[in-house]
């Protein structure tokens, strides 16, 4: 068996979502007089991620792009903090912060080296637009940009990995998933 393609988990592997979201939340919400442990805020928002996707995996909710789930999850966290008064524009701006998360320091060079031997693409629960924005923000060069709307389901369902491999012209047998977890 020869590996031809590497597909990458993004949020848990390539980007520092926690620091990025904590800093953006502080920047956007502190001027409104709101203060908290911003790392804990980021953690609380992310803690809503798997339960929200599980509703789609189980059929309780129809497929939607991750931006919609992130926004619903943000509304939940703001309500839990008693911050319902945060306006729609601020919520939308904060939600869009997931589109410009900063990468870990070694990622760009690592991807560049791996690309010399393998086709590379994200394998994320994020949608294509989100993956494009993260790639442009971090100067990643993917061979293809894939997103959750290709399979209309979320990881870890097998269909996701198969659909992403097929998008690269590969089979799951010659594709390897790369993830820090």
N, C-alpha and C. Protein backbone atom coordinates (compact mmCIF):
# COMPACT_ATOMS: atom_id res chain seq x y z
N UNK A 1 0.84 -1.18 0.00
CA UNK A 1 0.00 0.00 0.00
C UNK A 1 0.89 1.25 0.00
N UNK A 2 0.57 2.19 -0.87
CA UNK A 2 1.30 3.44 -0.97
C UNK A 2 0.38 4.59 -0.58
N UNK A 3 0.82 5.39 0.33
CA UNK A 3 0.05 6.57 0.74
C UNK A 3 0.26 7.67 -0.29
N UNK A 4 -0.85 8.19 -0.82
CA UNK A 4 -0.79 9.25 -1.82
C UNK A 4 -1.24 10.60 -1.28
N UNK A 5 -2.10 10.57 -0.28
CA UNK A 5 -2.69 11.82 0.21
C UNK A 5 -2.76 11.83 1.73
N UNK A 6 -2.57 13.01 2.27
CA UNK A 6 -2.75 13.25 3.71
C UNK A 6 -3.89 14.24 3.87
N UNK A 7 -4.85 13.87 4.68
CA UNK A 7 -5.95 14.79 4.98
C UNK A 7 -5.84 15.16 6.46
N UNK A 8 -6.00 16.45 6.73
CA UNK A 8 -5.67 16.99 8.04
C UNK A 8 -6.89 17.47 8.82
N UNK A 9 -6.96 17.01 10.06
CA UNK A 9 -7.84 17.65 11.02
C UNK A 9 -7.33 19.09 11.14
N UNK A 10 -8.22 20.04 11.27
CA UNK A 10 -7.79 21.44 11.30
C UNK A 10 -7.87 22.03 12.70
N UNK A 11 -9.06 22.03 13.31
CA UNK A 11 -9.24 22.74 14.57
C UNK A 11 -8.44 22.13 15.72
N UNK A 12 -8.33 20.82 15.76
CA UNK A 12 -7.59 20.19 16.85
C UNK A 12 -6.12 19.98 16.56
N UNK A 13 -5.68 20.29 15.33
CA UNK A 13 -4.33 19.94 14.92
C UNK A 13 -3.53 21.11 14.38
N UNK A 14 -4.09 21.89 13.49
CA UNK A 14 -3.33 22.92 12.77
C UNK A 14 -3.41 24.32 13.38
N UNK A 15 -4.49 24.63 14.05
CA UNK A 15 -4.68 25.99 14.56
C UNK A 15 -4.81 26.01 16.08
N UNK A 16 -4.43 27.14 16.64
CA UNK A 16 -4.58 27.39 18.07
C UNK A 16 -5.91 28.12 18.27
N UNK A 17 -6.99 27.36 18.16
CA UNK A 17 -8.32 27.98 18.23
C UNK A 17 -8.56 28.64 19.59
N UNK A 18 -8.06 28.03 20.66
CA UNK A 18 -8.36 28.55 22.00
C UNK A 18 -7.79 29.96 22.19
N UNK A 19 -6.50 30.14 21.90
CA UNK A 19 -5.89 31.47 22.08
C UNK A 19 -6.49 32.48 21.11
N UNK A 20 -6.75 32.04 19.88
CA UNK A 20 -7.31 32.94 18.87
C UNK A 20 -8.69 33.42 19.29
N UNK A 21 -9.55 32.50 19.69
CA UNK A 21 -10.92 32.86 20.08
C UNK A 21 -10.91 33.68 21.37
N UNK A 22 -10.07 33.30 22.33
CA UNK A 22 -10.00 34.06 23.58
C UNK A 22 -9.60 35.51 23.32
N UNK A 23 -8.60 35.72 22.48
CA UNK A 23 -8.14 37.08 22.19
C UNK A 23 -9.21 37.87 21.43
N UNK A 24 -9.83 37.25 20.44
CA UNK A 24 -10.86 37.96 19.67
C UNK A 24 -12.07 38.28 20.54
N UNK A 25 -12.46 37.37 21.41
CA UNK A 25 -13.60 37.62 22.30
C UNK A 25 -13.28 38.79 23.24
N UNK A 26 -12.08 38.79 23.78
CA UNK A 26 -11.67 39.88 24.66
C UNK A 26 -11.70 41.21 23.91
N UNK A 27 -11.16 41.22 22.70
CA UNK A 27 -11.11 42.44 21.90
C UNK A 27 -12.50 42.97 21.58
N UNK A 28 -13.43 42.07 21.28
CA UNK A 28 -14.78 42.49 20.88
C UNK A 28 -15.72 42.75 22.06
N UNK A 29 -15.56 42.02 23.15
CA UNK A 29 -16.53 42.11 24.24
C UNK A 29 -16.08 43.01 25.40
N UNK A 30 -14.78 43.13 25.62
CA UNK A 30 -14.31 44.00 26.70
C UNK A 30 -14.77 45.44 26.55
N UNK A 31 -14.74 46.03 25.33
CA UNK A 31 -15.23 47.40 25.18
C UNK A 31 -16.71 47.57 25.55
N UNK A 32 -17.43 46.46 25.61
CA UNK A 32 -18.85 46.51 26.01
C UNK A 32 -18.99 46.42 27.53
N UNK A 33 -17.86 46.40 28.22
CA UNK A 33 -17.89 46.30 29.68
C UNK A 33 -18.01 44.87 30.17
N UNK A 34 -17.80 43.91 29.29
CA UNK A 34 -17.91 42.50 29.65
C UNK A 34 -16.52 41.94 29.89
N UNK A 35 -16.34 41.27 31.00
CA UNK A 35 -15.05 40.68 31.32
C UNK A 35 -15.25 39.31 31.94
N UNK A 36 -14.35 38.42 31.61
CA UNK A 36 -14.38 37.06 32.12
C UNK A 36 -13.01 36.45 31.90
N UNK A 37 -12.83 35.23 32.26
CA UNK A 37 -11.63 34.47 31.89
C UNK A 37 -11.83 34.10 30.43
N UNK A 38 -11.10 34.76 29.53
CA UNK A 38 -11.35 34.61 28.09
C UNK A 38 -10.99 33.23 27.58
N UNK A 39 -10.01 32.59 28.19
CA UNK A 39 -9.71 31.19 27.83
C UNK A 39 -10.87 30.28 28.18
N UNK A 40 -11.47 30.52 29.35
CA UNK A 40 -12.63 29.74 29.76
C UNK A 40 -13.82 30.01 28.84
N UNK A 41 -13.94 31.26 28.38
CA UNK A 41 -14.99 31.60 27.42
C UNK A 41 -14.81 30.77 26.14
N UNK A 42 -13.58 30.74 25.62
CA UNK A 42 -13.30 29.95 24.41
C UNK A 42 -13.60 28.48 24.66
N UNK A 43 -13.21 27.97 25.81
CA UNK A 43 -13.47 26.56 26.15
C UNK A 43 -14.96 26.28 26.22
N UNK A 44 -15.72 27.18 26.83
CA UNK A 44 -17.17 26.99 26.95
C UNK A 44 -17.83 26.97 25.58
N UNK A 45 -17.37 27.85 24.69
CA UNK A 45 -17.92 27.89 23.33
C UNK A 45 -17.60 26.58 22.62
N UNK A 46 -16.36 26.15 22.71
CA UNK A 46 -15.94 24.91 22.04
C UNK A 46 -16.61 23.69 22.66
N UNK A 47 -16.94 23.74 23.94
CA UNK A 47 -17.59 22.60 24.60
C UNK A 47 -18.96 22.31 24.00
N UNK A 48 -19.55 23.29 23.34
CA UNK A 48 -20.85 23.10 22.69
C UNK A 48 -20.73 22.40 21.33
N UNK A 49 -19.51 22.29 20.81
CA UNK A 49 -19.22 21.81 19.46
C UNK A 49 -19.69 20.37 19.21
N UNK A 50 -19.19 19.44 20.00
CA UNK A 50 -19.56 18.04 19.78
C UNK A 50 -21.04 17.78 20.02
N UNK A 51 -21.63 18.30 21.10
CA UNK A 51 -23.07 18.09 21.27
C UNK A 51 -23.90 18.63 20.10
N UNK A 52 -23.50 19.77 19.55
CA UNK A 52 -24.24 20.34 18.41
C UNK A 52 -24.11 19.45 17.19
N UNK A 53 -22.92 18.93 16.93
CA UNK A 53 -22.73 18.04 15.78
C UNK A 53 -23.42 16.70 15.99
N UNK A 54 -23.49 16.25 17.23
CA UNK A 54 -24.15 14.97 17.51
C UNK A 54 -25.63 15.02 17.14
N UNK A 55 -26.24 16.18 17.27
CA UNK A 55 -27.64 16.32 16.85
C UNK A 55 -27.79 16.08 15.36
N UNK A 56 -26.79 16.46 14.59
CA UNK A 56 -26.83 16.23 13.14
C UNK A 56 -26.50 14.78 12.84
N UNK A 57 -25.47 14.25 13.49
CA UNK A 57 -25.10 12.85 13.28
C UNK A 57 -26.25 11.91 13.59
N UNK A 58 -27.03 12.23 14.61
CA UNK A 58 -28.12 11.36 15.05
C UNK A 58 -29.42 11.60 14.28
N UNK A 59 -29.45 12.62 13.44
CA UNK A 59 -30.65 12.91 12.67
C UNK A 59 -31.64 13.82 13.37
N UNK A 60 -31.32 14.31 14.56
CA UNK A 60 -32.22 15.22 15.28
C UNK A 60 -32.30 16.59 14.60
N UNK A 61 -31.26 16.91 13.84
CA UNK A 61 -31.19 18.19 13.14
C UNK A 61 -30.61 17.92 11.76
N UNK A 62 -31.08 18.64 10.77
CA UNK A 62 -30.55 18.50 9.42
C UNK A 62 -29.16 19.09 9.32
N UNK A 63 -28.40 18.66 8.32
CA UNK A 63 -27.05 19.16 8.12
C UNK A 63 -27.08 20.68 7.91
N UNK A 64 -26.10 21.35 8.49
CA UNK A 64 -25.89 22.77 8.26
C UNK A 64 -24.40 23.05 8.35
N UNK A 65 -23.99 24.17 7.85
CA UNK A 65 -22.58 24.53 7.90
C UNK A 65 -22.17 24.86 9.33
N UNK A 66 -20.89 24.69 9.59
CA UNK A 66 -20.36 24.89 10.93
C UNK A 66 -20.59 26.31 11.44
N UNK A 67 -20.60 27.31 10.54
CA UNK A 67 -20.87 28.68 10.99
C UNK A 67 -22.20 28.76 11.73
N UNK A 68 -23.20 28.04 11.25
CA UNK A 68 -24.51 28.06 11.90
C UNK A 68 -24.45 27.41 13.28
N UNK A 69 -23.73 26.30 13.38
CA UNK A 69 -23.59 25.66 14.69
C UNK A 69 -22.78 26.54 15.64
N UNK A 70 -21.69 27.12 15.14
CA UNK A 70 -20.90 28.01 16.00
C UNK A 70 -21.75 29.17 16.51
N UNK A 71 -22.58 29.72 15.64
CA UNK A 71 -23.42 30.86 16.07
C UNK A 71 -24.42 30.42 17.13
N UNK A 72 -25.08 29.30 16.92
CA UNK A 72 -26.01 28.78 17.94
C UNK A 72 -25.28 28.55 19.26
N UNK A 73 -24.08 27.98 19.17
CA UNK A 73 -23.30 27.69 20.37
C UNK A 73 -22.86 28.98 21.07
N UNK A 74 -22.51 29.99 20.29
CA UNK A 74 -22.17 31.30 20.88
C UNK A 74 -23.36 31.87 21.63
N UNK A 75 -24.53 31.81 21.03
CA UNK A 75 -25.73 32.31 21.70
C UNK A 75 -25.96 31.58 23.02
N UNK A 76 -25.72 30.28 23.05
CA UNK A 76 -25.87 29.50 24.28
C UNK A 76 -24.91 29.99 25.35
N UNK A 77 -23.65 30.19 24.98
CA UNK A 77 -22.64 30.63 25.95
C UNK A 77 -22.94 32.03 26.45
N UNK A 78 -23.31 32.93 25.54
CA UNK A 78 -23.65 34.29 25.98
C UNK A 78 -24.83 34.29 26.95
N UNK A 79 -25.81 33.44 26.68
CA UNK A 79 -26.96 33.32 27.58
C UNK A 79 -26.53 32.78 28.94
N UNK A 80 -25.67 31.77 28.93
CA UNK A 80 -25.18 31.20 30.20
C UNK A 80 -24.45 32.25 31.04
N UNK A 81 -23.79 33.19 30.37
CA UNK A 81 -23.06 34.25 31.08
C UNK A 81 -23.95 35.44 31.45
N UNK A 82 -25.21 35.40 31.00
CA UNK A 82 -26.11 36.52 31.25
C UNK A 82 -25.84 37.70 30.33
N UNK A 83 -25.24 37.44 29.19
CA UNK A 83 -24.86 38.49 28.24
C UNK A 83 -25.78 38.50 27.02
N UNK A 84 -27.07 38.29 27.21
CA UNK A 84 -28.02 38.27 26.11
C UNK A 84 -28.08 39.60 25.36
N UNK A 85 -27.66 40.68 26.01
CA UNK A 85 -27.74 42.01 25.41
C UNK A 85 -26.68 42.26 24.33
N UNK A 86 -25.75 41.34 24.12
CA UNK A 86 -24.74 41.52 23.06
C UNK A 86 -25.48 41.56 21.72
N UNK A 87 -25.24 42.62 20.95
CA UNK A 87 -26.02 42.84 19.72
C UNK A 87 -25.65 41.85 18.61
N UNK A 88 -26.53 41.75 17.63
CA UNK A 88 -26.39 40.81 16.53
C UNK A 88 -25.10 41.04 15.76
N UNK A 89 -24.77 42.29 15.49
CA UNK A 89 -23.56 42.60 14.73
C UNK A 89 -22.31 42.09 15.45
N UNK A 90 -22.23 42.30 16.74
CA UNK A 90 -21.08 41.83 17.51
C UNK A 90 -21.03 40.31 17.51
N UNK A 91 -22.19 39.68 17.65
CA UNK A 91 -22.25 38.21 17.62
C UNK A 91 -21.75 37.67 16.28
N UNK A 92 -22.18 38.31 15.19
CA UNK A 92 -21.76 37.87 13.85
C UNK A 92 -20.26 38.05 13.67
N UNK A 93 -19.73 39.18 14.12
CA UNK A 93 -18.29 39.44 14.00
C UNK A 93 -17.51 38.42 14.81
N UNK A 94 -17.96 38.17 16.03
CA UNK A 94 -17.29 37.19 16.88
C UNK A 94 -17.37 35.79 16.27
N UNK A 95 -18.50 35.43 15.74
CA UNK A 95 -18.66 34.12 15.12
C UNK A 95 -17.71 33.94 13.94
N UNK A 96 -17.49 35.03 13.21
CA UNK A 96 -16.62 34.98 12.03
C UNK A 96 -15.14 34.82 12.43
N UNK A 97 -14.82 34.99 13.70
CA UNK A 97 -13.44 34.84 14.15
C UNK A 97 -12.91 33.42 13.90
N UNK A 98 -13.80 32.44 13.81
CA UNK A 98 -13.37 31.08 13.49
C UNK A 98 -12.75 31.01 12.10
N UNK A 99 -12.95 32.03 11.28
CA UNK A 99 -12.42 32.05 9.91
C UNK A 99 -10.98 32.56 9.85
N UNK A 100 -10.44 33.08 10.93
CA UNK A 100 -9.06 33.57 10.90
C UNK A 100 -8.28 33.17 12.16
N UNK A 101 -8.41 31.91 12.51
CA UNK A 101 -7.65 31.37 13.63
C UNK A 101 -6.18 31.28 13.24
N UNK A 102 -5.31 31.54 14.19
CA UNK A 102 -3.87 31.47 13.93
C UNK A 102 -3.37 30.04 14.04
N UNK A 103 -2.45 29.69 13.14
CA UNK A 103 -1.85 28.36 13.13
C UNK A 103 -0.80 28.24 14.22
N UNK A 104 -0.50 26.98 14.57
CA UNK A 104 0.64 26.71 15.43
C UNK A 104 1.90 27.05 14.65
N UNK A 105 2.95 27.43 15.33
CA UNK A 105 4.17 27.96 14.71
C UNK A 105 4.79 27.03 13.66
N UNK A 106 4.76 25.74 13.88
CA UNK A 106 5.44 24.80 12.99
C UNK A 106 4.59 24.29 11.83
N UNK A 107 3.34 24.68 11.76
CA UNK A 107 2.42 24.10 10.78
C UNK A 107 2.78 24.46 9.34
N UNK A 108 3.00 25.71 9.05
CA UNK A 108 3.25 26.11 7.66
C UNK A 108 4.45 25.37 7.08
N UNK A 109 5.56 25.32 7.81
CA UNK A 109 6.74 24.62 7.32
C UNK A 109 6.47 23.12 7.20
N UNK A 110 5.78 22.55 8.17
CA UNK A 110 5.47 21.12 8.13
C UNK A 110 4.62 20.75 6.92
N UNK A 111 3.60 21.56 6.65
CA UNK A 111 2.76 21.29 5.47
C UNK A 111 3.57 21.41 4.19
N UNK A 112 4.44 22.40 4.13
CA UNK A 112 5.27 22.60 2.95
C UNK A 112 6.17 21.39 2.70
N UNK A 113 6.77 20.86 3.74
CA UNK A 113 7.63 19.67 3.60
C UNK A 113 6.81 18.44 3.19
N UNK A 114 5.68 18.24 3.81
CA UNK A 114 4.85 17.08 3.47
C UNK A 114 4.30 17.15 2.05
N UNK A 115 4.05 18.36 1.59
CA UNK A 115 3.48 18.54 0.25
C UNK A 115 4.46 18.10 -0.84
N UNK A 116 5.71 18.00 -0.52
CA UNK A 116 6.70 17.53 -1.49
C UNK A 116 6.49 16.06 -1.84
N UNK A 117 5.84 15.31 -0.96
CA UNK A 117 5.65 13.87 -1.17
C UNK A 117 4.20 13.42 -1.26
N UNK A 118 3.28 14.25 -0.79
CA UNK A 118 1.88 13.84 -0.71
C UNK A 118 0.95 14.95 -1.18
N UNK A 119 -0.23 14.55 -1.63
CA UNK A 119 -1.29 15.53 -1.83
C UNK A 119 -1.82 15.88 -0.44
N UNK A 120 -2.18 17.14 -0.24
CA UNK A 120 -2.66 17.59 1.06
C UNK A 120 -4.01 18.28 0.94
N UNK A 121 -4.85 18.03 1.92
CA UNK A 121 -6.15 18.71 1.99
C UNK A 121 -6.64 18.70 3.43
N UNK A 122 -7.46 19.68 3.79
CA UNK A 122 -8.07 19.64 5.11
C UNK A 122 -9.16 18.56 5.15
N UNK A 123 -9.33 17.97 6.30
CA UNK A 123 -10.45 17.05 6.55
C UNK A 123 -11.09 17.55 7.83
N UNK A 124 -11.95 18.51 7.65
CA UNK A 124 -12.48 19.25 8.78
C UNK A 124 -14.00 19.17 8.82
N UNK A 125 -14.54 19.40 9.99
CA UNK A 125 -15.99 19.58 10.11
C UNK A 125 -16.39 20.97 9.64
N UNK A 126 -15.40 21.81 9.38
CA UNK A 126 -15.66 23.12 8.82
C UNK A 126 -16.06 23.00 7.36
N UNK A 127 -16.73 24.03 6.86
CA UNK A 127 -17.17 24.03 5.47
C UNK A 127 -16.10 24.64 4.57
N UNK A 128 -16.30 24.52 3.26
CA UNK A 128 -15.28 24.93 2.30
C UNK A 128 -14.90 26.40 2.46
N UNK A 129 -15.87 27.29 2.56
CA UNK A 129 -15.56 28.71 2.73
C UNK A 129 -14.67 28.94 3.95
N UNK A 130 -14.99 28.30 5.05
CA UNK A 130 -14.21 28.42 6.28
C UNK A 130 -12.78 27.91 6.06
N UNK A 131 -12.64 26.78 5.36
CA UNK A 131 -11.31 26.23 5.09
C UNK A 131 -10.51 27.16 4.16
N UNK A 132 -11.17 27.78 3.19
CA UNK A 132 -10.50 28.74 2.31
C UNK A 132 -9.98 29.92 3.12
N UNK A 133 -10.82 30.45 3.99
CA UNK A 133 -10.41 31.61 4.80
C UNK A 133 -9.24 31.27 5.72
N UNK A 134 -9.28 30.09 6.35
CA UNK A 134 -8.17 29.69 7.21
C UNK A 134 -6.89 29.50 6.40
N UNK A 135 -7.01 28.91 5.22
CA UNK A 135 -5.84 28.71 4.36
C UNK A 135 -5.24 30.05 3.94
N UNK A 136 -6.08 30.97 3.54
CA UNK A 136 -5.58 32.29 3.12
C UNK A 136 -4.98 33.05 4.30
N UNK A 137 -5.62 32.99 5.44
CA UNK A 137 -5.11 33.69 6.63
C UNK A 137 -3.74 33.16 7.04
N UNK A 138 -3.56 31.85 6.95
CA UNK A 138 -2.32 31.21 7.41
C UNK A 138 -1.33 30.90 6.29
N UNK A 139 -1.68 31.26 5.06
CA UNK A 139 -0.81 31.03 3.89
C UNK A 139 -0.51 29.55 3.67
N UNK A 140 -1.55 28.70 3.84
CA UNK A 140 -1.40 27.28 3.55
C UNK A 140 -1.66 27.05 2.07
N UNK A 141 -0.94 26.11 1.50
CA UNK A 141 -1.16 25.73 0.10
C UNK A 141 -1.67 24.29 0.08
N UNK A 142 -2.97 24.15 -0.06
CA UNK A 142 -3.59 22.83 -0.16
C UNK A 142 -3.67 22.42 -1.62
N UNK A 143 -3.69 21.11 -1.87
CA UNK A 143 -3.92 20.61 -3.23
C UNK A 143 -5.40 20.62 -3.56
N UNK A 144 -6.22 20.59 -2.55
CA UNK A 144 -7.67 20.71 -2.70
C UNK A 144 -8.21 21.26 -1.39
N UNK A 145 -9.31 21.97 -1.48
CA UNK A 145 -9.96 22.44 -0.26
C UNK A 145 -11.28 21.70 -0.16
N UNK A 146 -11.39 20.94 0.90
CA UNK A 146 -12.60 20.15 1.14
C UNK A 146 -13.29 20.70 2.37
N UNK A 147 -14.53 20.33 2.53
CA UNK A 147 -15.29 20.77 3.69
C UNK A 147 -16.44 19.82 3.96
N UNK A 148 -17.07 20.00 5.08
CA UNK A 148 -18.11 19.08 5.54
C UNK A 148 -19.28 18.95 4.57
N UNK A 149 -19.53 19.98 3.76
CA UNK A 149 -20.68 19.88 2.86
C UNK A 149 -20.47 18.86 1.74
N UNK A 150 -19.25 18.36 1.58
CA UNK A 150 -19.00 17.30 0.58
C UNK A 150 -19.74 16.04 0.98
N UNK A 151 -19.67 15.66 2.25
CA UNK A 151 -20.32 14.43 2.73
C UNK A 151 -21.66 14.70 3.40
N UNK A 152 -21.92 15.94 3.78
CA UNK A 152 -23.14 16.33 4.50
C UNK A 152 -23.32 15.59 5.82
N UNK A 153 -22.21 15.21 6.40
CA UNK A 153 -22.17 14.63 7.74
C UNK A 153 -20.88 15.11 8.39
N UNK A 154 -20.75 14.84 9.67
CA UNK A 154 -19.56 15.27 10.40
C UNK A 154 -18.74 14.08 10.86
N UNK A 155 -17.43 14.30 10.99
CA UNK A 155 -16.55 13.29 11.57
C UNK A 155 -17.11 12.94 12.95
N UNK A 156 -16.96 11.72 13.37
CA UNK A 156 -16.12 10.66 12.84
C UNK A 156 -16.84 9.66 11.93
N UNK A 157 -17.94 10.02 11.33
CA UNK A 157 -18.61 9.07 10.45
C UNK A 157 -17.71 8.74 9.26
N UNK A 158 -17.61 7.46 8.93
CA UNK A 158 -16.70 6.97 7.89
C UNK A 158 -16.92 7.65 6.54
N UNK A 159 -18.15 8.01 6.23
CA UNK A 159 -18.46 8.65 4.96
C UNK A 159 -17.63 9.91 4.75
N UNK A 160 -17.32 10.61 5.81
CA UNK A 160 -16.52 11.84 5.71
C UNK A 160 -15.15 11.53 5.11
N UNK A 161 -14.46 10.57 5.67
CA UNK A 161 -13.11 10.25 5.23
C UNK A 161 -13.11 9.69 3.81
N UNK A 162 -14.10 8.86 3.51
CA UNK A 162 -14.21 8.30 2.17
C UNK A 162 -14.47 9.40 1.14
N UNK A 163 -15.36 10.32 1.45
CA UNK A 163 -15.69 11.40 0.51
C UNK A 163 -14.50 12.32 0.27
N UNK A 164 -13.74 12.60 1.32
CA UNK A 164 -12.58 13.47 1.17
C UNK A 164 -11.50 12.78 0.34
N UNK A 165 -11.26 11.49 0.57
CA UNK A 165 -10.29 10.74 -0.24
C UNK A 165 -10.72 10.74 -1.70
N UNK A 166 -12.00 10.48 -1.95
CA UNK A 166 -12.51 10.47 -3.32
C UNK A 166 -12.37 11.84 -3.99
N UNK A 167 -12.54 12.90 -3.23
CA UNK A 167 -12.38 14.25 -3.79
C UNK A 167 -10.95 14.48 -4.30
N UNK A 168 -10.01 13.73 -3.74
CA UNK A 168 -8.62 13.83 -4.17
C UNK A 168 -8.26 12.78 -5.23
N UNK A 169 -9.24 12.00 -5.64
CA UNK A 169 -8.98 10.94 -6.61
C UNK A 169 -8.30 9.74 -5.99
N UNK A 170 -8.50 9.55 -4.71
CA UNK A 170 -7.86 8.47 -3.97
C UNK A 170 -8.91 7.55 -3.36
N UNK A 171 -8.44 6.45 -2.82
CA UNK A 171 -9.29 5.59 -2.01
C UNK A 171 -8.91 5.82 -0.55
N UNK A 172 -9.73 5.33 0.35
CA UNK A 172 -9.39 5.50 1.76
C UNK A 172 -8.13 4.71 2.10
N UNK A 173 -7.83 3.65 1.33
CA UNK A 173 -6.65 2.84 1.60
C UNK A 173 -5.33 3.57 1.28
N UNK A 174 -5.36 4.54 0.35
CA UNK A 174 -4.12 5.26 0.04
C UNK A 174 -4.16 6.71 0.56
N UNK A 175 -5.00 6.93 1.56
CA UNK A 175 -5.13 8.24 2.19
C UNK A 175 -4.95 8.07 3.69
N UNK A 176 -4.22 8.97 4.31
CA UNK A 176 -4.00 8.92 5.75
C UNK A 176 -4.53 10.19 6.38
N UNK A 177 -5.25 10.01 7.47
CA UNK A 177 -5.75 11.12 8.26
C UNK A 177 -4.67 11.53 9.24
N UNK A 178 -4.40 12.84 9.32
CA UNK A 178 -3.40 13.38 10.23
C UNK A 178 -4.15 14.22 11.28
N UNK A 179 -3.97 13.84 12.54
CA UNK A 179 -4.66 14.56 13.61
C UNK A 179 -3.82 14.48 14.89
N UNK A 180 -3.85 15.53 15.65
CA UNK A 180 -3.10 15.57 16.91
C UNK A 180 -3.78 14.78 18.00
N UNK A 181 -5.07 14.51 17.83
CA UNK A 181 -5.78 13.79 18.88
C UNK A 181 -5.83 12.31 18.57
